[in-house]
Amino acid sequence: MSVATLHANFAWVVIGVNAAAGLWALGAHWWAPLRVRGLWWFVIAAEASIFIQVALGVANLAGNRAPGDDFHIFYGFVALVTVGILYGYRNQVRAWAYLLYGLGADCS
């Protein structure tokens, strides 16, 4: 399987796990029984999938030695920055952490 194919297929994994993490965190904001440690491990896995996807994209660009679509590259960069912002604000908005990660994971 080529890196381009892997990058294209893994995009659906990234979308799915981040949507699931976001929905779980949003649910946890309103319903306390969803506030379990497993949620945070799932959020970490979802955010790690973004880094993997970007690495696959970089490998694809490097391997093809062809310029990529600028907007597509920008979107990957924004996804990485979003993870950094979520992590950076986690202590300042501790009371709203579930809402922060719920909306952030759904947007990244």
C-alpha atoms as a PDB file:
ATOM      1  CA  MET A   1       0.000   0.000   0.000  1.00  0.00           C
ATOM      2  CA  SER A   2       1.378   3.406  -0.935  1.00  0.00           C
ATOM      3  CA  VAL A   3       1.818   6.212   1.584  1.00  0.00           C
ATOM      4  CA  ALA A   4      -0.748   8.247  -0.360  1.00  0.00           C
ATOM      5  CA  THR A   5      -3.334   5.479  -0.024  1.00  0.00           C
ATOM      6  CA  LEU A   6      -2.528   5.000   3.657  1.00  0.00           C
ATOM      7  CA  HIS A   7      -2.840   8.756   4.223  1.00  0.00           C
ATOM      8  CA  ALA A   8      -6.194   8.852   2.418  1.00  0.00           C
ATOM      9  CA  ASN A   9      -7.594   5.825   4.266  1.00  0.00           C
ATOM     10  CA  PHE A  10      -6.280   6.854   7.690  1.00  0.00           C
ATOM     11  CA  ALA A  11      -8.086  10.185   7.297  1.00  0.00           C
ATOM     12  CA  TRP A  12     -11.339   8.346   7.999  1.00  0.00           C
ATOM     13  CA  VAL A  13      -9.876   6.910  11.195  1.00  0.00           C
ATOM     14  CA  VAL A  14      -8.837  10.403  12.303  1.00  0.00           C
ATOM     15  CA  ILE A  15     -12.286  11.805  11.532  1.00  0.00           C
ATOM     16  CA  GLY A  16     -14.058   8.944  13.292  1.00  0.00           C
ATOM     17  CA  VAL A  17     -12.030   8.830  16.494  1.00  0.00           C
ATOM     18  CA  ASN A  18     -11.992  12.611  16.869  1.00  0.00           C
ATOM     19  CA  ALA A  19     -15.751  12.810  16.314  1.00  0.00           C
ATOM     20  CA  ALA A  20     -16.302  10.026  18.852  1.00  0.00           C
ATOM     21  CA  ALA A  21     -13.967  11.668  21.387  1.00  0.00           C
ATOM     22  CA  GLY A  22     -15.684  15.014  20.884  1.00  0.00           C
ATOM     23  CA  LEU A  23     -19.159  13.577  21.285  1.00  0.00           C
ATOM     24  CA  TRP A  24     -18.106  11.603  24.366  1.00  0.00           C
ATOM     25  CA  ALA A  25     -16.562  14.713  25.944  1.00  0.00           C
ATOM     26  CA  LEU A  26     -19.620  16.819  25.108  1.00  0.00           C
ATOM     27  CA  GLY A  27     -21.827  14.148  26.640  1.00  0.00           C
ATOM     28  CA  ALA A  28     -19.611  14.099  29.725  1.00  0.00           C
ATOM     29  CA  HIS A  29     -20.067  17.843  30.079  1.00  0.00           C
ATOM     30  CA  TRP A  30     -23.786  17.300  30.681  1.00  0.00           C
ATOM     31  CA  TRP A  31     -23.942  13.756  32.060  1.00  0.00           C
ATOM     32  CA  ALA A  32     -21.572  12.891  34.919  1.00  0.00           C
ATOM     33  CA  PRO A  33     -21.530   9.081  34.425  1.00  0.00           C
ATOM     34  CA  LEU A  34     -19.586   9.622  31.186  1.00  0.00           C
ATOM     35  CA  ARG A  35     -16.778  11.337  33.117  1.00  0.00           C
ATOM     36  CA  VAL A  36     -14.422   8.391  33.374  1.00  0.00           C
ATOM     37  CA  ARG A  37     -10.661   8.102  33.023  1.00  0.00           C
ATOM     38  CA  GLY A  38     -11.102   6.149  29.797  1.00  0.00           C
ATOM     39  CA  LEU A  39     -12.427   9.300  28.136  1.00  0.00           C
ATOM     40  CA  TRP A  40      -9.080  11.039  28.534  1.00  0.00           C
ATOM     41  CA  TRP A  41      -7.158   8.045  27.178  1.00  0.00           C
ATOM     42  CA  PHE A  42      -9.490   8.050  24.191  1.00  0.00           C
ATOM     43  CA  VAL A  43      -8.937  11.796  23.697  1.00  0.00           C
ATOM     44  CA  ILE A  44      -5.162  11.221  23.782  1.00  0.00           C
ATOM     45  CA  ALA A  45      -5.490   8.466  21.167  1.00  0.00           C
ATOM     46  CA  ALA A  46      -7.681  10.696  18.987  1.00  0.00           C
ATOM     47  CA  GLU A  47      -5.195  13.556  19.183  1.00  0.00           C
ATOM     48  CA  ALA A  48      -2.284  11.201  18.500  1.00  0.00           C
ATOM     49  CA  SER A  49      -4.080  10.095  15.334  1.00  0.00           C
ATOM     50  CA  ILE A  50      -3.813  13.679  14.090  1.00  0.00           C
ATOM     51  CA  PHE A  51      -0.025  13.610  14.515  1.00  0.00           C
ATOM     52  CA  ILE A  52       0.145  10.266  12.703  1.00  0.00           C
ATOM     53  CA  GLN A  53      -1.990  11.624   9.860  1.00  0.00           C
ATOM     54  CA  VAL A  54       0.193  14.712   9.481  1.00  0.00           C
ATOM     55  CA  ALA A  55       3.331  12.552   9.512  1.00  0.00           C
ATOM     56  CA  LEU A  56       1.814  10.395   6.759  1.00  0.00           C
ATOM     57  CA  GLY A  57       1.027  13.548   4.792  1.00  0.00           C
ATOM     58  CA  VAL A  58       4.573  14.825   5.160  1.00  0.00           C
ATOM     59  CA  ALA A  59       5.950  11.424   4.129  1.00  0.00           C
ATOM     60  CA  ASN A  60       3.651  11.436   1.121  1.00  0.00           C
ATOM     61  CA  LEU A  61       4.818  14.891   0.050  1.00  0.00           C
ATOM     62  CA  ALA A  62       8.472  13.970   0.586  1.00  0.00           C
ATOM     63  CA  GLY A  63       8.103  10.692  -1.286  1.00  0.00           C
ATOM     64  CA  ASN A  64       6.296  12.186  -4.259  1.00  0.00           C
ATOM     65  CA  ARG A  65       8.576  15.226  -4.391  1.00  0.00           C
ATOM     66  CA  ALA A  66       5.613  17.148  -5.729  1.00  0.00           C
ATOM     67  CA  PRO A  67       3.982  20.203  -4.234  1.00  0.00           C
ATOM     68  CA  GLY A  68       0.824  19.474  -2.314  1.00  0.00           C
ATOM     69  CA  ASP A  69      -2.436  21.373  -2.292  1.00  0.00           C
ATOM     70  CA  ASP A  70      -1.760  24.452  -0.156  1.00  0.00           C
ATOM     71  CA  PHE A  71      -5.148  24.370   1.565  1.00  0.00           C
ATOM     72  CA  HIS A  72      -4.755  20.688   2.412  1.00  0.00           C
ATOM     73  CA  ILE A  73      -1.330  21.330   3.963  1.00  0.00           C
ATOM     74  CA  PHE A  74      -2.726  24.337   5.867  1.00  0.00           C
ATOM     75  CA  TYR A  75      -5.563  22.205   7.260  1.00  0.00           C
ATOM     76  CA  GLY A  76      -3.053  19.670   8.608  1.00  0.00           C
ATOM     77  CA  PHE A  77      -1.117  22.476  10.254  1.00  0.00           C
ATOM     78  CA  VAL A  78      -4.309  23.906  11.793  1.00  0.00           C
ATOM     79  CA  ALA A  79      -5.198  20.469  13.188  1.00  0.00           C
ATOM     80  CA  LEU A  80      -1.814  20.269  14.924  1.00  0.00           C
ATOM     81  CA  VAL A  81      -2.159  23.799  16.295  1.00  0.00           C
ATOM     82  CA  THR A  82      -5.650  22.978  17.575  1.00  0.00           C
ATOM     83  CA  VAL A  83      -4.256  20.085  19.611  1.00  0.00           C
ATOM     84  CA  GLY A  84      -1.624  22.418  21.048  1.00  0.00           C
ATOM     85  CA  ILE A  85      -4.219  25.040  21.959  1.00  0.00           C
ATOM     86  CA  LEU A  86      -6.452  22.466  23.645  1.00  0.00           C
ATOM     87  CA  TYR A  87      -3.526  21.175  25.665  1.00  0.00           C
ATOM     88  CA  GLY A  88      -2.317  24.678  26.486  1.00  0.00           C
ATOM     89  CA  TYR A  89      -5.636  25.856  27.899  1.00  0.00           C
ATOM     90  CA  ARG A  90      -6.516  22.713  29.846  1.00  0.00           C
ATOM     91  CA  ASN A  91      -5.537  24.175  33.250  1.00  0.00           C
ATOM     92  CA  GLN A  92      -7.056  27.626  32.742  1.00  0.00           C
ATOM     93  CA  VAL A  93     -10.493  26.213  31.969  1.00  0.00           C
ATOM     94  CA  ARG A  94     -10.474  23.126  34.171  1.00  0.00           C
ATOM     95  CA  ALA A  95     -14.181  23.603  35.045  1.00  0.00           C
ATOM     96  CA  TRP A  96     -15.019  23.546  31.324  1.00  0.00           C
ATOM     97  CA  ALA A  97     -12.552  20.822  30.289  1.00  0.00           C
ATOM     98  CA  TYR A  98     -15.201  18.476  28.877  1.00  0.00           C
ATOM     99  CA  LEU A  99     -16.721  21.252  26.810  1.00  0.00           C
ATOM    100  CA  LEU A 100     -13.267  22.436  25.660  1.00  0.00           C
ATOM    101  CA  TYR A 101     -12.224  18.987  24.469  1.00  0.00           C
ATOM    102  CA  GLY A 102     -15.681  18.183  23.143  1.00  0.00           C
ATOM    103  CA  LEU A 103     -15.785  21.200  20.871  1.00  0.00           C
ATOM    104  CA  GLY A 104     -12.060  21.059  20.138  1.00  0.00           C
ATOM    105  CA  ALA A 105     -12.041  17.426  19.101  1.00  0.00           C
ATOM    106  CA  ASP A 106     -15.068  17.927  16.889  1.00  0.00           C
ATOM    107  CA  CYS A 107     -13.387  20.879  15.191  1.00  0.00           C
ATOM    108  CA  SER A 108      -9.942  19.379  14.661  1.00  0.00           C
END
